[in-house]
Amino acid sequence: MNRAILGSATLVLLLAASGSVAQEAQEKADGAVDCSAFRKEEYGYLVTKTTRIATPQLDVTVPKGMPIRRGQKEAAVQGQNLADLIDQNCAG
């Protein structure tokens, strides 16, 4: 009987630990920019697959094929230039 209780307690601890790891991974993913979803162009970026940009001040889904421009026709959402945001989060 003690072995069954110990086994159950161990299982509960493992499930709790895996849940907190999954939550941390989701929080990190929420603040990330999927750099593979953008192709650098002369005017800025082209979105190659529908993706989500989630930063502390901004949470937006950008559709595949959307141009993200710089300059006069810049793509700005909630006062943030998306091209600058991608530059800050993606090297090269």
N, C-alpha and C. Protein backbone atom coordinates (compact mmCIF):
# COMPACT_ATOMS: atom_id res chain seq x y z
N MET A 1 0.82 -1.20 0.00
CA MET A 1 0.00 0.00 0.00
C MET A 1 0.86 1.26 0.00
N ASN A 2 1.94 1.24 0.80
CA ASN A 2 2.84 2.39 0.82
C ASN A 2 3.47 2.62 -0.55
N ARG A 3 3.76 1.53 -1.25
CA ARG A 3 4.37 1.65 -2.58
C ARG A 3 3.40 2.33 -3.55
N ALA A 4 2.12 2.02 -3.46
CA ALA A 4 1.11 2.65 -4.32
C ALA A 4 0.98 4.13 -4.02
N ILE A 5 1.00 4.49 -2.75
CA ILE A 5 0.91 5.90 -2.36
C ILE A 5 2.14 6.66 -2.84
N LEU A 6 3.31 6.06 -2.67
CA LEU A 6 4.55 6.69 -3.11
C LEU A 6 4.56 6.87 -4.63
N GLY A 7 4.09 5.86 -5.34
CA GLY A 7 4.02 5.95 -6.80
C GLY A 7 3.07 7.05 -7.25
N SER A 8 1.93 7.15 -6.59
CA SER A 8 0.95 8.20 -6.93
C SER A 8 1.51 9.59 -6.63
N ALA A 9 2.19 9.73 -5.51
CA ALA A 9 2.78 11.02 -5.15
C ALA A 9 3.85 11.43 -6.16
N THR A 10 4.65 10.47 -6.60
CA THR A 10 5.69 10.75 -7.58
C THR A 10 5.06 11.19 -8.90
N LEU A 11 4.01 10.51 -9.31
CA LEU A 11 3.32 10.86 -10.55
C LEU A 11 2.75 12.27 -10.49
N VAL A 12 2.16 12.64 -9.36
CA VAL A 12 1.60 13.99 -9.19
C VAL A 12 2.70 15.04 -9.29
N LEU A 13 3.84 14.78 -8.67
CA LEU A 13 4.96 15.72 -8.73
C LEU A 13 5.49 15.87 -10.16
N LEU A 14 5.60 14.76 -10.88
CA LEU A 14 6.07 14.82 -12.27
C LEU A 14 5.10 15.60 -13.15
N LEU A 15 3.82 15.40 -12.97
CA LEU A 15 2.83 16.13 -13.76
C LEU A 15 2.87 17.63 -13.45
N ALA A 16 3.03 17.97 -12.19
CA ALA A 16 3.11 19.39 -11.81
C ALA A 16 4.35 20.03 -12.41
N ALA A 17 5.47 19.32 -12.37
CA ALA A 17 6.71 19.87 -12.92
C ALA A 17 6.61 20.04 -14.43
N SER A 18 6.04 19.07 -15.13
CA SER A 18 5.93 19.19 -16.59
C SER A 18 4.97 20.30 -16.98
N GLY A 19 3.94 20.53 -16.17
CA GLY A 19 3.01 21.62 -16.44
C GLY A 19 3.67 22.98 -16.32
N SER A 20 4.54 23.16 -15.32
CA SER A 20 5.21 24.44 -15.15
C SER A 20 6.23 24.67 -16.25
N VAL A 21 6.89 23.61 -16.72
CA VAL A 21 7.84 23.73 -17.83
C VAL A 21 7.11 24.13 -19.10
N ALA A 22 5.96 23.52 -19.36
CA ALA A 22 5.17 23.86 -20.53
C ALA A 22 4.69 25.31 -20.47
N GLN A 23 4.32 25.77 -19.29
CA GLN A 23 3.86 27.15 -19.14
C GLN A 23 5.01 28.12 -19.41
N GLU A 24 6.21 27.82 -18.90
CA GLU A 24 7.37 28.68 -19.16
C GLU A 24 7.69 28.72 -20.64
N ALA A 25 7.62 27.58 -21.31
CA ALA A 25 7.89 27.54 -22.75
C ALA A 25 6.88 28.37 -23.52
N GLN A 26 5.62 28.31 -23.13
CA GLN A 26 4.59 29.11 -23.79
C GLN A 26 4.82 30.59 -23.57
N GLU A 27 5.22 31.00 -22.35
CA GLU A 27 5.50 32.40 -22.08
C GLU A 27 6.65 32.90 -22.92
N LYS A 28 7.70 32.09 -23.08
CA LYS A 28 8.82 32.49 -23.92
C LYS A 28 8.39 32.59 -25.38
N ALA A 29 7.56 31.66 -25.83
CA ALA A 29 7.10 31.68 -27.22
C ALA A 29 6.21 32.89 -27.48
N ASP A 30 5.43 33.31 -26.48
CA ASP A 30 4.55 34.46 -26.66
C ASP A 30 5.34 35.73 -26.92
N GLY A 31 6.52 35.85 -26.38
CA GLY A 31 7.32 37.04 -26.55
C GLY A 31 8.25 36.98 -27.73
N ALA A 32 8.18 35.94 -28.51
CA ALA A 32 9.13 35.73 -29.60
C ALA A 32 8.55 36.14 -30.94
N VAL A 33 9.46 36.35 -31.89
CA VAL A 33 9.09 36.61 -33.27
C VAL A 33 9.64 35.45 -34.08
N ASP A 34 8.79 34.80 -34.87
CA ASP A 34 9.21 33.69 -35.72
C ASP A 34 9.92 34.26 -36.93
N CYS A 35 11.24 34.32 -36.87
CA CYS A 35 12.03 34.95 -37.93
C CYS A 35 11.92 34.22 -39.27
N SER A 36 11.57 32.94 -39.23
CA SER A 36 11.45 32.18 -40.48
C SER A 36 10.20 32.59 -41.27
N ALA A 37 9.33 33.39 -40.68
CA ALA A 37 8.10 33.81 -41.34
C ALA A 37 8.28 35.08 -42.18
N PHE A 38 9.50 35.60 -42.25
CA PHE A 38 9.74 36.85 -42.96
C PHE A 38 10.92 36.70 -43.92
N ARG A 39 10.78 37.31 -45.10
CA ARG A 39 11.89 37.33 -46.07
C ARG A 39 12.27 38.79 -46.27
N LYS A 40 13.56 39.09 -46.09
CA LYS A 40 14.04 40.46 -46.22
C LYS A 40 14.00 40.90 -47.68
N GLU A 41 13.44 42.06 -47.92
CA GLU A 41 13.34 42.66 -49.25
C GLU A 41 13.91 44.07 -49.18
N GLU A 42 14.07 44.73 -50.35
CA GLU A 42 14.59 46.10 -50.36
C GLU A 42 13.67 47.06 -49.61
N TYR A 43 12.37 46.87 -49.71
CA TYR A 43 11.41 47.77 -49.08
C TYR A 43 11.19 47.47 -47.60
N GLY A 44 11.65 46.29 -47.13
CA GLY A 44 11.43 45.88 -45.75
C GLY A 44 11.37 44.37 -45.66
N TYR A 45 10.18 43.80 -45.43
CA TYR A 45 10.01 42.35 -45.30
C TYR A 45 8.74 41.90 -46.01
N LEU A 46 8.74 40.65 -46.46
CA LEU A 46 7.55 40.00 -46.98
C LEU A 46 7.23 38.84 -46.05
N VAL A 47 5.97 38.73 -45.64
CA VAL A 47 5.56 37.64 -44.75
C VAL A 47 5.41 36.37 -45.58
N THR A 48 6.17 35.33 -45.25
CA THR A 48 6.15 34.09 -46.02
C THR A 48 5.17 33.06 -45.49
N LYS A 49 4.69 33.23 -44.28
CA LYS A 49 3.64 32.37 -43.73
C LYS A 49 2.91 33.15 -42.65
N THR A 50 1.62 32.93 -42.53
CA THR A 50 0.84 33.62 -41.50
C THR A 50 1.46 33.34 -40.14
N THR A 51 1.72 34.39 -39.40
CA THR A 51 2.39 34.24 -38.11
C THR A 51 1.88 35.28 -37.12
N ARG A 52 2.25 35.09 -35.89
CA ARG A 52 1.85 35.99 -34.81
C ARG A 52 3.08 36.69 -34.26
N ILE A 53 3.00 37.99 -34.12
CA ILE A 53 4.05 38.77 -33.46
C ILE A 53 3.51 39.15 -32.09
N ALA A 54 4.13 38.62 -31.07
CA ALA A 54 3.65 38.88 -29.71
C ALA A 54 4.79 39.43 -28.88
N THR A 55 4.72 40.70 -28.57
CA THR A 55 5.69 41.34 -27.68
C THR A 55 4.89 41.96 -26.54
N PRO A 56 5.54 42.42 -25.49
CA PRO A 56 4.77 42.96 -24.36
C PRO A 56 3.75 44.04 -24.71
N GLN A 57 4.06 44.90 -25.68
CA GLN A 57 3.11 45.96 -26.02
C GLN A 57 2.26 45.64 -27.24
N LEU A 58 2.58 44.57 -27.97
CA LEU A 58 1.93 44.32 -29.25
C LEU A 58 1.62 42.84 -29.39
N ASP A 59 0.45 42.54 -29.91
CA ASP A 59 0.07 41.17 -30.21
C ASP A 59 -0.76 41.22 -31.49
N VAL A 60 -0.16 40.81 -32.60
CA VAL A 60 -0.84 40.93 -33.89
C VAL A 60 -0.53 39.70 -34.73
N THR A 61 -1.49 39.28 -35.53
CA THR A 61 -1.28 38.20 -36.49
C THR A 61 -1.13 38.84 -37.86
N VAL A 62 -0.05 38.51 -38.55
CA VAL A 62 0.20 39.07 -39.88
C VAL A 62 -0.01 37.96 -40.91
N PRO A 63 -0.76 38.25 -41.98
CA PRO A 63 -1.08 37.22 -42.96
C PRO A 63 0.06 36.99 -43.97
N LYS A 64 0.10 35.78 -44.49
CA LYS A 64 1.07 35.43 -45.53
C LYS A 64 0.88 36.38 -46.71
N GLY A 65 1.99 36.85 -47.28
CA GLY A 65 1.95 37.73 -48.43
C GLY A 65 1.90 39.21 -48.09
N MET A 66 1.78 39.56 -46.82
CA MET A 66 1.72 40.97 -46.42
C MET A 66 3.10 41.60 -46.53
N PRO A 67 3.22 42.74 -47.20
CA PRO A 67 4.50 43.45 -47.20
C PRO A 67 4.63 44.29 -45.94
N ILE A 68 5.77 44.23 -45.32
CA ILE A 68 6.03 45.05 -44.13
C ILE A 68 7.08 46.08 -44.57
N ARG A 69 6.62 47.29 -44.78
CA ARG A 69 7.44 48.32 -45.41
C ARG A 69 8.10 49.26 -44.42
N ARG A 70 9.13 49.93 -44.93
CA ARG A 70 9.79 51.01 -44.20
C ARG A 70 9.41 52.33 -44.88
N GLY A 71 9.71 53.42 -44.24
CA GLY A 71 9.52 54.74 -44.87
C GLY A 71 8.08 55.20 -44.86
N GLN A 72 7.68 55.89 -45.95
CA GLN A 72 6.35 56.50 -46.00
C GLN A 72 5.22 55.48 -45.91
N LYS A 73 5.43 54.30 -46.49
CA LYS A 73 4.38 53.28 -46.49
C LYS A 73 4.65 52.22 -45.43
N GLU A 74 5.23 52.63 -44.31
CA GLU A 74 5.62 51.66 -43.28
C GLU A 74 4.40 50.95 -42.70
N ALA A 75 4.64 49.69 -42.33
CA ALA A 75 3.59 48.90 -41.68
C ALA A 75 3.69 49.15 -40.18
N ALA A 76 2.78 49.93 -39.66
CA ALA A 76 2.79 50.25 -38.23
C ALA A 76 1.51 49.73 -37.60
N VAL A 77 1.64 49.10 -36.45
CA VAL A 77 0.50 48.60 -35.70
C VAL A 77 0.66 49.09 -34.27
N GLN A 78 -0.38 49.71 -33.75
CA GLN A 78 -0.36 50.25 -32.39
C GLN A 78 0.86 51.14 -32.16
N GLY A 79 1.22 51.93 -33.19
CA GLY A 79 2.33 52.87 -33.07
C GLY A 79 3.72 52.25 -33.20
N GLN A 80 3.80 50.95 -33.48
CA GLN A 80 5.11 50.31 -33.63
C GLN A 80 5.33 49.91 -35.09
N ASN A 81 6.48 50.24 -35.63
CA ASN A 81 6.84 49.84 -36.98
C ASN A 81 7.23 48.37 -36.94
N LEU A 82 6.51 47.54 -37.68
CA LEU A 82 6.77 46.10 -37.66
C LEU A 82 8.14 45.75 -38.21
N ALA A 83 8.62 46.50 -39.22
CA ALA A 83 9.95 46.23 -39.77
C ALA A 83 11.03 46.44 -38.71
N ASP A 84 10.90 47.50 -37.93
CA ASP A 84 11.86 47.76 -36.85
C ASP A 84 11.79 46.67 -35.79
N LEU A 85 10.58 46.22 -35.48
CA LEU A 85 10.39 45.17 -34.48
C LEU A 85 11.05 43.85 -34.95
N ILE A 86 10.90 43.53 -36.22
CA ILE A 86 11.54 42.32 -36.76
C ILE A 86 13.05 42.48 -36.73
N ASP A 87 13.55 43.65 -37.10
CA ASP A 87 15.01 43.90 -37.04
C ASP A 87 15.55 43.70 -35.63
N GLN A 88 14.82 44.16 -34.62
CA GLN A 88 15.27 44.05 -33.24
C GLN A 88 15.31 42.60 -32.76
N ASN A 89 14.40 41.77 -33.26
CA ASN A 89 14.27 40.41 -32.77
C ASN A 89 14.93 39.34 -33.65
N CYS A 90 15.28 39.69 -34.88
CA CYS A 90 15.86 38.72 -35.81
C CYS A 90 17.19 39.24 -36.33
N ALA A 91 18.21 38.48 -36.12
CA ALA A 91 19.55 38.86 -36.61
C ALA A 91 19.65 38.62 -38.11
N GLY A 92 20.32 39.55 -38.79
CA GLY A 92 20.61 39.36 -40.21
C GLY A 92 19.45 39.63 -41.05
